[in-house]
Amino acid sequence: MRTYLEPRWEAGRDLVRRGLSGTVVRLNLLRLRPVADYGATPELAPERPISGAEAFDRSVAHTRPHLEASGGSLLFLAEGGPLLIGPETERWDRVMLVRQKSVQDFIAFASNRDYLAGLGHRIAAVADSRLLPAGAAFRGGLTPAAAAATAAFSRDGRVQP
């Protein structure tokens, strides 16, 4: 089974060519390793083995300040599971929505030296992933129904009553 952990150069080029203007939200689907693999970045490895979930938590803790300094924000992070629509054998352990002000801001964030210094936690944690950048499809950014649904989520990702 082929896995996807890093974007291909061509995919990055195509993202820029899409000409998305304004806010970009990235849908991340992540399958985590049972045990984190720090083979590529032993300098970040903890003293004892940890789970992929623990390594991913370290990745989020490292990444979030750099993301926010770049003007981005973590909109949603939750446990995943098996798909409701899709292959029965496919599952994603984490689902994440990340907002950036623009494609250019996303590229600047993703190439930030301080952010990249901790990328090894994500590499150790993730066995497979999918990343879908999406731009506003409607004038004003959201349909009225989507705006109402978005407003129903609090900052911690829980639906408000």
N, C-alpha and C. Protein backbone atom coordinates (compact mmCIF):
# COMPACT_ATOMS: atom_id res chain seq x y z
N MET A 1 0.85 -1.18 0.00
CA MET A 1 0.00 0.00 0.00
C MET A 1 0.89 1.25 0.00
N ARG A 2 0.63 2.16 -0.90
CA ARG A 2 1.39 3.40 -0.99
C ARG A 2 0.94 4.36 0.11
N THR A 3 1.90 5.04 0.70
CA THR A 3 1.59 6.04 1.72
C THR A 3 1.99 7.42 1.22
N TYR A 4 1.39 8.42 1.83
CA TYR A 4 1.62 9.81 1.45
C TYR A 4 1.96 10.60 2.71
N LEU A 5 3.20 11.09 2.77
CA LEU A 5 3.63 11.81 3.96
C LEU A 5 4.07 13.24 3.67
N GLU A 6 4.51 13.51 2.47
CA GLU A 6 4.99 14.84 2.08
C GLU A 6 4.39 15.21 0.73
N PRO A 7 4.17 16.49 0.49
CA PRO A 7 3.66 16.89 -0.82
C PRO A 7 4.73 16.72 -1.90
N ARG A 8 4.28 16.34 -3.07
CA ARG A 8 5.17 16.31 -4.23
C ARG A 8 5.38 17.74 -4.73
N TRP A 9 6.52 17.99 -5.34
CA TRP A 9 6.81 19.32 -5.88
C TRP A 9 5.69 19.75 -6.83
N GLU A 10 5.24 18.83 -7.67
CA GLU A 10 4.19 19.14 -8.67
C GLU A 10 2.89 19.53 -7.99
N ALA A 11 2.58 18.90 -6.86
CA ALA A 11 1.36 19.25 -6.13
C ALA A 11 1.45 20.67 -5.57
N GLY A 12 2.62 21.05 -5.08
CA GLY A 12 2.81 22.42 -4.61
C GLY A 12 2.67 23.43 -5.73
N ARG A 13 3.27 23.11 -6.87
CA ARG A 13 3.14 23.98 -8.05
C ARG A 13 1.68 24.13 -8.44
N ASP A 14 0.95 23.00 -8.45
CA ASP A 14 -0.46 23.04 -8.84
C ASP A 14 -1.31 23.81 -7.84
N LEU A 15 -0.95 23.75 -6.56
CA LEU A 15 -1.67 24.53 -5.55
C LEU A 15 -1.53 26.03 -5.86
N VAL A 16 -0.33 26.46 -6.16
CA VAL A 16 -0.11 27.87 -6.49
C VAL A 16 -0.87 28.23 -7.77
N ARG A 17 -0.86 27.36 -8.76
CA ARG A 17 -1.54 27.62 -10.03
C ARG A 17 -3.06 27.67 -9.90
N ARG A 18 -3.60 27.04 -8.85
CA ARG A 18 -5.07 27.08 -8.65
C ARG A 18 -5.55 28.51 -8.48
N GLY A 19 -4.69 29.40 -8.01
CA GLY A 19 -5.06 30.81 -7.87
C GLY A 19 -6.07 31.06 -6.76
N LEU A 20 -6.03 30.25 -5.72
CA LEU A 20 -6.93 30.49 -4.60
C LEU A 20 -6.63 31.85 -4.00
N SER A 21 -7.67 32.63 -3.78
CA SER A 21 -7.45 33.95 -3.18
C SER A 21 -8.10 33.96 -1.81
N GLY A 22 -7.46 34.63 -0.89
CA GLY A 22 -8.00 34.74 0.45
C GLY A 22 -7.71 33.49 1.28
N THR A 23 -8.54 33.32 2.29
CA THR A 23 -8.36 32.26 3.27
C THR A 23 -8.34 30.88 2.64
N VAL A 24 -7.42 30.06 3.14
CA VAL A 24 -7.31 28.67 2.72
C VAL A 24 -7.45 27.81 3.97
N VAL A 25 -8.31 26.81 3.89
CA VAL A 25 -8.46 25.84 4.97
C VAL A 25 -7.95 24.51 4.48
N ARG A 26 -7.09 23.90 5.30
CA ARG A 26 -6.50 22.61 4.93
C ARG A 26 -7.18 21.51 5.72
N LEU A 27 -7.75 20.55 5.01
CA LEU A 27 -8.29 19.34 5.63
C LEU A 27 -7.17 18.32 5.69
N ASN A 28 -6.82 17.89 6.89
CA ASN A 28 -5.77 16.90 7.11
C ASN A 28 -6.40 15.62 7.64
N LEU A 29 -6.13 14.51 7.00
CA LEU A 29 -6.51 13.19 7.49
C LEU A 29 -5.22 12.47 7.81
N LEU A 30 -5.10 11.93 9.02
CA LEU A 30 -3.83 11.37 9.48
C LEU A 30 -4.03 9.99 10.07
N ARG A 31 -3.22 9.05 9.60
CA ARG A 31 -3.16 7.72 10.19
C ARG A 31 -1.86 7.67 10.98
N LEU A 32 -1.95 7.35 12.26
CA LEU A 32 -0.79 7.40 13.14
C LEU A 32 -0.15 6.02 13.29
N ARG A 33 1.14 6.03 13.54
CA ARG A 33 1.86 4.79 13.80
C ARG A 33 1.50 4.29 15.21
N PRO A 34 1.47 2.98 15.41
CA PRO A 34 1.26 2.47 16.77
C PRO A 34 2.39 2.93 17.71
N VAL A 35 3.62 2.90 17.23
CA VAL A 35 4.79 3.36 17.98
C VAL A 35 5.51 4.38 17.11
N ALA A 36 5.80 5.54 17.66
CA ALA A 36 6.48 6.60 16.90
C ALA A 36 7.85 6.11 16.43
N ASP A 37 8.21 6.53 15.22
CA ASP A 37 9.50 6.15 14.63
C ASP A 37 10.37 7.40 14.47
N TYR A 38 11.30 7.58 15.39
CA TYR A 38 12.19 8.74 15.36
C TYR A 38 13.50 8.42 14.63
N GLY A 39 13.51 7.40 13.79
CA GLY A 39 14.73 7.02 13.07
C GLY A 39 15.30 8.15 12.23
N ALA A 40 14.46 8.99 11.65
CA ALA A 40 14.93 10.08 10.79
C ALA A 40 15.38 11.29 11.60
N THR A 41 14.92 11.40 12.83
CA THR A 41 15.27 12.56 13.68
C THR A 41 15.55 12.10 15.11
N PRO A 42 16.63 11.35 15.30
CA PRO A 42 16.92 10.83 16.65
C PRO A 42 17.14 11.93 17.69
N GLU A 43 17.52 13.11 17.25
CA GLU A 43 17.74 14.21 18.20
C GLU A 43 16.44 14.65 18.88
N LEU A 44 15.30 14.34 18.29
CA LEU A 44 14.00 14.69 18.89
C LEU A 44 13.39 13.53 19.67
N ALA A 45 13.98 12.36 19.59
CA ALA A 45 13.41 11.16 20.20
C ALA A 45 13.37 11.28 21.72
N PRO A 46 12.25 10.87 22.30
CA PRO A 46 12.18 10.83 23.76
C PRO A 46 13.03 9.69 24.31
N GLU A 47 13.24 9.68 25.62
CA GLU A 47 14.08 8.65 26.24
C GLU A 47 13.46 7.26 26.11
N ARG A 48 12.14 7.19 26.12
CA ARG A 48 11.46 5.90 26.02
C ARG A 48 10.56 5.92 24.78
N PRO A 49 10.24 4.76 24.22
CA PRO A 49 9.32 4.74 23.08
C PRO A 49 7.96 5.33 23.46
N ILE A 50 7.37 6.04 22.51
CA ILE A 50 6.03 6.61 22.71
C ILE A 50 5.17 6.23 21.52
N SER A 51 3.89 6.40 21.67
CA SER A 51 2.95 6.08 20.59
C SER A 51 2.99 7.17 19.52
N GLY A 52 2.47 6.82 18.35
CA GLY A 52 2.32 7.82 17.31
C GLY A 52 1.42 8.95 17.76
N ALA A 53 0.40 8.64 18.55
CA ALA A 53 -0.50 9.67 19.06
C ALA A 53 0.24 10.65 19.97
N GLU A 54 1.12 10.12 20.82
CA GLU A 54 1.90 11.00 21.70
C GLU A 54 2.86 11.87 20.88
N ALA A 55 3.49 11.28 19.87
CA ALA A 55 4.39 12.06 19.01
C ALA A 55 3.61 13.12 18.24
N PHE A 56 2.39 12.78 17.82
CA PHE A 56 1.58 13.76 17.11
C PHE A 56 1.20 14.92 18.04
N ASP A 57 0.88 14.61 19.29
CA ASP A 57 0.58 15.67 20.26
C ASP A 57 1.79 16.60 20.42
N ARG A 58 2.99 16.02 20.44
CA ARG A 58 4.21 16.84 20.52
C ARG A 58 4.35 17.70 19.26
N SER A 59 3.98 17.15 18.12
CA SER A 59 4.04 17.90 16.87
C SER A 59 3.09 19.10 16.92
N VAL A 60 1.88 18.88 17.40
CA VAL A 60 0.91 19.98 17.49
C VAL A 60 1.41 21.04 18.46
N ALA A 61 1.93 20.62 19.61
CA ALA A 61 2.44 21.58 20.59
C ALA A 61 3.59 22.42 20.03
N HIS A 62 4.45 21.78 19.23
CA HIS A 62 5.56 22.52 18.61
C HIS A 62 5.05 23.44 17.50
N THR A 63 4.12 22.97 16.71
CA THR A 63 3.67 23.68 15.52
C THR A 63 2.77 24.86 15.81
N ARG A 64 1.90 24.72 16.77
CA ARG A 64 0.86 25.74 17.00
C ARG A 64 1.39 27.16 17.16
N PRO A 65 2.42 27.41 17.98
CA PRO A 65 2.92 28.80 18.09
C PRO A 65 3.42 29.36 16.75
N HIS A 66 4.06 28.53 15.94
CA HIS A 66 4.56 28.99 14.64
C HIS A 66 3.40 29.24 13.68
N LEU A 67 2.40 28.38 13.75
CA LEU A 67 1.20 28.55 12.93
C LEU A 67 0.52 29.87 13.28
N GLU A 68 0.31 30.11 14.57
CA GLU A 68 -0.38 31.33 14.99
C GLU A 68 0.45 32.58 14.70
N ALA A 69 1.78 32.48 14.83
CA ALA A 69 2.64 33.62 14.50
C ALA A 69 2.56 33.97 13.02
N SER A 70 2.25 32.98 12.19
CA SER A 70 2.13 33.22 10.74
C SER A 70 0.75 33.73 10.35
N GLY A 71 -0.14 33.88 11.34
CA GLY A 71 -1.50 34.34 11.06
C GLY A 71 -2.48 33.20 10.86
N GLY A 72 -2.02 31.96 11.00
CA GLY A 72 -2.89 30.80 10.84
C GLY A 72 -3.52 30.39 12.14
N SER A 73 -4.42 29.42 12.06
CA SER A 73 -5.05 28.92 13.27
C SER A 73 -5.50 27.48 13.09
N LEU A 74 -5.48 26.76 14.19
CA LEU A 74 -6.01 25.40 14.23
C LEU A 74 -7.50 25.51 14.51
N LEU A 75 -8.32 25.17 13.52
CA LEU A 75 -9.76 25.31 13.66
C LEU A 75 -10.39 24.12 14.36
N PHE A 76 -9.84 22.93 14.08
CA PHE A 76 -10.49 21.71 14.54
C PHE A 76 -9.46 20.60 14.58
N LEU A 77 -9.46 19.83 15.66
CA LEU A 77 -8.61 18.65 15.79
C LEU A 77 -9.39 17.62 16.57
N ALA A 78 -9.56 16.43 16.00
CA ALA A 78 -10.38 15.42 16.65
C ALA A 78 -9.89 14.03 16.29
N GLU A 79 -10.32 13.06 17.10
CA GLU A 79 -10.07 11.67 16.75
C GLU A 79 -10.91 11.32 15.54
N GLY A 80 -10.35 10.52 14.68
CA GLY A 80 -11.08 10.04 13.52
C GLY A 80 -11.68 8.68 13.79
N GLY A 81 -11.59 7.80 12.81
CA GLY A 81 -12.13 6.46 12.91
C GLY A 81 -12.42 5.93 11.53
N PRO A 82 -13.25 4.90 11.44
CA PRO A 82 -13.61 4.37 10.13
C PRO A 82 -14.51 5.35 9.38
N LEU A 83 -14.47 5.26 8.08
CA LEU A 83 -15.26 6.14 7.23
C LEU A 83 -16.73 5.76 7.25
N LEU A 84 -17.59 6.75 7.15
CA LEU A 84 -19.02 6.51 6.98
C LEU A 84 -19.30 6.25 5.49
N ILE A 85 -18.59 6.99 4.64
CA ILE A 85 -18.67 6.78 3.19
C ILE A 85 -17.25 6.54 2.71
N GLY A 86 -16.99 5.40 2.16
CA GLY A 86 -15.65 5.07 1.69
C GLY A 86 -15.31 3.62 1.99
N PRO A 87 -14.09 3.24 1.68
CA PRO A 87 -13.68 1.85 1.90
C PRO A 87 -13.82 1.43 3.37
N GLU A 88 -14.40 0.26 3.60
CA GLU A 88 -14.62 -0.23 4.96
C GLU A 88 -13.33 -0.42 5.73
N THR A 89 -12.24 -0.69 5.02
CA THR A 89 -10.97 -0.96 5.69
C THR A 89 -10.16 0.30 5.95
N GLU A 90 -10.61 1.43 5.44
CA GLU A 90 -9.86 2.67 5.60
C GLU A 90 -10.27 3.39 6.88
N ARG A 91 -9.28 3.87 7.62
CA ARG A 91 -9.54 4.63 8.83
C ARG A 91 -8.52 5.75 8.95
N TRP A 92 -8.92 6.82 9.61
CA TRP A 92 -8.03 7.95 9.87
C TRP A 92 -8.08 8.22 11.37
N ASP A 93 -6.92 8.29 12.00
CA ASP A 93 -6.86 8.46 13.45
C ASP A 93 -7.12 9.89 13.90
N ARG A 94 -6.72 10.86 13.10
CA ARG A 94 -6.93 12.26 13.43
C ARG A 94 -7.48 12.99 12.22
N VAL A 95 -8.32 13.96 12.49
CA VAL A 95 -8.86 14.87 11.48
C VAL A 95 -8.55 16.27 11.96
N MET A 96 -8.01 17.08 11.07
CA MET A 96 -7.59 18.41 11.48
C MET A 96 -7.95 19.42 10.39
N LEU A 97 -8.45 20.56 10.81
CA LEU A 97 -8.68 21.69 9.90
C LEU A 97 -7.79 22.83 10.35
N VAL A 98 -7.00 23.35 9.41
CA VAL A 98 -6.06 24.44 9.70
C VAL A 98 -6.34 25.57 8.73
N ARG A 99 -6.45 26.78 9.26
CA ARG A 99 -6.73 27.95 8.42
C ARG A 99 -5.46 28.78 8.26
N GLN A 100 -5.22 29.24 7.05
CA GLN A 100 -4.16 30.21 6.74
C GLN A 100 -4.81 31.36 6.00
N LYS A 101 -4.23 32.54 6.12
CA LYS A 101 -4.80 33.72 5.46
C LYS A 101 -4.73 33.62 3.94
N SER A 102 -3.74 32.87 3.43
CA SER A 102 -3.58 32.75 1.99
C SER A 102 -2.65 31.58 1.68
N VAL A 103 -2.61 31.20 0.43
CA VAL A 103 -1.67 30.16 -0.01
C VAL A 103 -0.25 30.62 0.26
N GLN A 104 0.04 31.89 0.02
CA GLN A 104 1.39 32.41 0.24
C GLN A 104 1.77 32.31 1.72
N ASP A 105 0.83 32.61 2.62
CA ASP A 105 1.10 32.47 4.05
C ASP A 105 1.33 31.02 4.44
N PHE A 106 0.59 30.10 3.82
CA PHE A 106 0.80 28.68 4.07
C PHE A 106 2.20 28.26 3.64
N ILE A 107 2.62 28.69 2.47
CA ILE A 107 3.95 28.33 1.98
C ILE A 107 5.04 28.92 2.89
N ALA A 108 4.85 30.17 3.30
CA ALA A 108 5.83 30.79 4.21
C ALA A 108 5.89 30.04 5.53
N PHE A 109 4.74 29.66 6.08
CA PHE A 109 4.70 28.89 7.32
C PHE A 109 5.42 27.55 7.14
N ALA A 110 5.09 26.84 6.06
CA ALA A 110 5.63 25.50 5.83
C ALA A 110 7.13 25.50 5.58
N SER A 111 7.70 26.64 5.25
CA SER A 111 9.14 26.72 5.01
C SER A 111 9.88 27.45 6.13
N ASN A 112 9.18 27.78 7.22
CA ASN A 112 9.79 28.47 8.36
C ASN A 112 10.79 27.56 9.07
N ARG A 113 12.01 28.03 9.22
CA ARG A 113 13.09 27.23 9.80
C ARG A 113 12.77 26.75 11.21
N ASP A 114 12.19 27.60 12.04
CA ASP A 114 11.87 27.20 13.41
C ASP A 114 10.77 26.14 13.45
N TYR A 115 9.78 26.27 12.57
CA TYR A 115 8.75 25.23 12.46
C TYR A 115 9.38 23.91 12.01
N LEU A 116 10.21 23.98 10.99
CA LEU A 116 10.81 22.76 10.43
C LEU A 116 11.71 22.04 11.44
N ALA A 117 12.25 22.76 12.42
CA ALA A 117 13.11 22.14 13.43
C ALA A 117 12.39 21.07 14.25
N GLY A 118 11.06 21.17 14.34
CA GLY A 118 10.30 20.18 15.10
C GLY A 118 9.47 19.25 14.25
N LEU A 119 9.63 19.34 12.93
CA LEU A 119 8.84 18.52 12.01
C LEU A 119 9.05 17.02 12.24
N GLY A 120 10.17 16.66 12.84
CA GLY A 120 10.46 15.25 13.10
C GLY A 120 9.42 14.58 13.98
N HIS A 121 8.73 15.34 14.83
CA HIS A 121 7.66 14.74 15.64
C HIS A 121 6.52 14.26 14.74
N ARG A 122 6.17 15.06 13.74
CA ARG A 122 5.12 14.66 12.80
C ARG A 122 5.57 13.46 11.98
N ILE A 123 6.82 13.52 11.51
CA ILE A 123 7.35 12.41 10.72
C ILE A 123 7.34 11.12 11.54
N ALA A 124 7.70 11.21 12.81
CA ALA A 124 7.72 10.03 13.69
C ALA A 124 6.31 9.51 13.94
N ALA A 125 5.34 10.39 13.97
CA ALA A 125 3.96 10.04 14.35
C ALA A 125 3.14 9.45 13.23
N VAL A 126 3.29 9.98 12.02
CA VAL A 126 2.33 9.73 10.94
C VAL A 126 2.77 8.58 10.03
N ALA A 127 1.86 7.62 9.85
CA ALA A 127 2.10 6.50 8.94
C ALA A 127 1.58 6.81 7.54
N ASP A 128 0.54 7.62 7.45
CA ASP A 128 -0.05 7.97 6.16
C ASP A 128 -0.91 9.22 6.36
N SER A 129 -1.10 9.99 5.31
CA SER A 129 -1.88 11.22 5.45
C SER A 129 -2.47 11.65 4.12
N ARG A 130 -3.44 12.53 4.22
CA ARG A 130 -4.01 13.21 3.06
C ARG A 130 -4.16 14.66 3.46
N LEU A 131 -3.93 15.56 2.52
CA LEU A 131 -4.04 17.00 2.77
C LEU A 131 -4.77 17.63 1.60
N LEU A 132 -5.89 18.26 1.89
CA LEU A 132 -6.70 18.91 0.87
C LEU A 132 -6.83 20.38 1.21
N PRO A 133 -6.11 21.27 0.47
CA PRO A 133 -6.30 22.71 0.68
C PRO A 133 -7.56 23.16 -0.06
N ALA A 134 -8.38 23.93 0.63
CA ALA A 134 -9.63 24.40 0.03
C ALA A 134 -9.75 25.90 0.24
N GLY A 135 -10.18 26.59 -0.82
CA GLY A 135 -10.42 28.03 -0.74
C GLY A 135 -11.90 28.30 -0.72
N ALA A 136 -12.25 29.54 -0.44
CA ALA A 136 -13.66 29.93 -0.42
C ALA A 136 -14.26 29.77 -1.81
N ALA A 137 -15.36 29.05 -1.88
CA ALA A 137 -15.99 28.78 -3.16
C ALA A 137 -17.12 29.76 -3.46
N PHE A 138 -17.50 30.55 -2.47
CA PHE A 138 -18.63 31.43 -2.64
C PHE A 138 -18.23 32.86 -2.30
N ARG A 139 -18.86 33.82 -2.96
CA ARG A 139 -18.60 35.21 -2.64
C ARG A 139 -18.91 35.43 -1.16
N GLY A 140 -18.00 36.05 -0.46
CA GLY A 140 -18.19 36.22 0.97
C GLY A 140 -17.61 35.07 1.77
N GLY A 141 -17.15 34.02 1.10
CA GLY A 141 -16.45 32.95 1.78
C GLY A 141 -17.28 31.74 2.12
N LEU A 142 -18.51 31.90 2.56
CA LEU A 142 -19.33 30.76 2.96
C LEU A 142 -20.77 30.99 2.55
N THR A 143 -21.46 29.89 2.28
CA THR A 143 -22.90 29.99 2.10
C THR A 143 -23.49 30.31 3.47
N PRO A 144 -24.70 30.83 3.54
CA PRO A 144 -25.31 31.11 4.85
C PRO A 144 -25.38 29.86 5.74
N ALA A 145 -25.70 28.71 5.17
CA ALA A 145 -25.78 27.48 5.97
C ALA A 145 -24.40 27.09 6.49
N ALA A 146 -23.38 27.21 5.65
CA ALA A 146 -22.03 26.86 6.10
C ALA A 146 -21.54 27.85 7.16
N ALA A 147 -21.88 29.12 7.02
CA ALA A 147 -21.49 30.11 8.02
C ALA A 147 -22.15 29.80 9.36
N ALA A 148 -23.42 29.39 9.34
CA ALA A 148 -24.11 29.05 10.58
C ALA A 148 -23.49 27.81 11.21
N ALA A 149 -23.16 26.82 10.39
CA ALA A 149 -22.55 25.60 10.92
C ALA A 149 -21.18 25.90 11.50
N THR A 150 -20.41 26.74 10.83
CA THR A 150 -19.08 27.11 11.32
C THR A 150 -19.20 27.85 12.64
N ALA A 151 -20.17 28.74 12.76
CA ALA A 151 -20.36 29.51 13.99
C ALA A 151 -20.77 28.62 15.16
N ALA A 152 -21.30 27.43 14.88
CA ALA A 152 -21.74 26.53 15.94
C ALA A 152 -20.57 25.86 16.66
N PHE A 153 -19.38 25.96 16.11
CA PHE A 153 -18.21 25.35 16.74
C PHE A 153 -17.51 26.38 17.62
N SER A 154 -17.16 25.96 18.81
CA SER A 154 -16.39 26.82 19.69
C SER A 154 -14.91 26.71 19.33
N ARG A 155 -14.11 27.47 20.00
CA ARG A 155 -12.67 27.47 19.74
C ARG A 155 -12.03 26.10 19.95
N ASP A 156 -12.56 25.29 20.86
CA ASP A 156 -11.96 23.97 21.11
C ASP A 156 -12.54 22.88 20.22
N GLY A 157 -13.40 23.25 19.26
CA GLY A 157 -13.89 22.28 18.29
C GLY A 157 -15.16 21.55 18.72
N ARG A 158 -15.70 21.88 19.87
CA ARG A 158 -16.93 21.22 20.32
C ARG A 158 -18.14 21.99 19.81
N VAL A 159 -19.17 21.24 19.42
CA VAL A 159 -20.39 21.87 18.94
C VAL A 159 -21.08 22.55 20.11
N GLN A 160 -21.47 23.80 19.88
CA GLN A 160 -22.20 24.55 20.90
C GLN A 160 -23.67 24.16 20.89
N PRO A 161 -24.30 24.11 22.04
CA PRO A 161 -25.73 23.75 22.07
C PRO A 161 -26.60 24.81 21.44
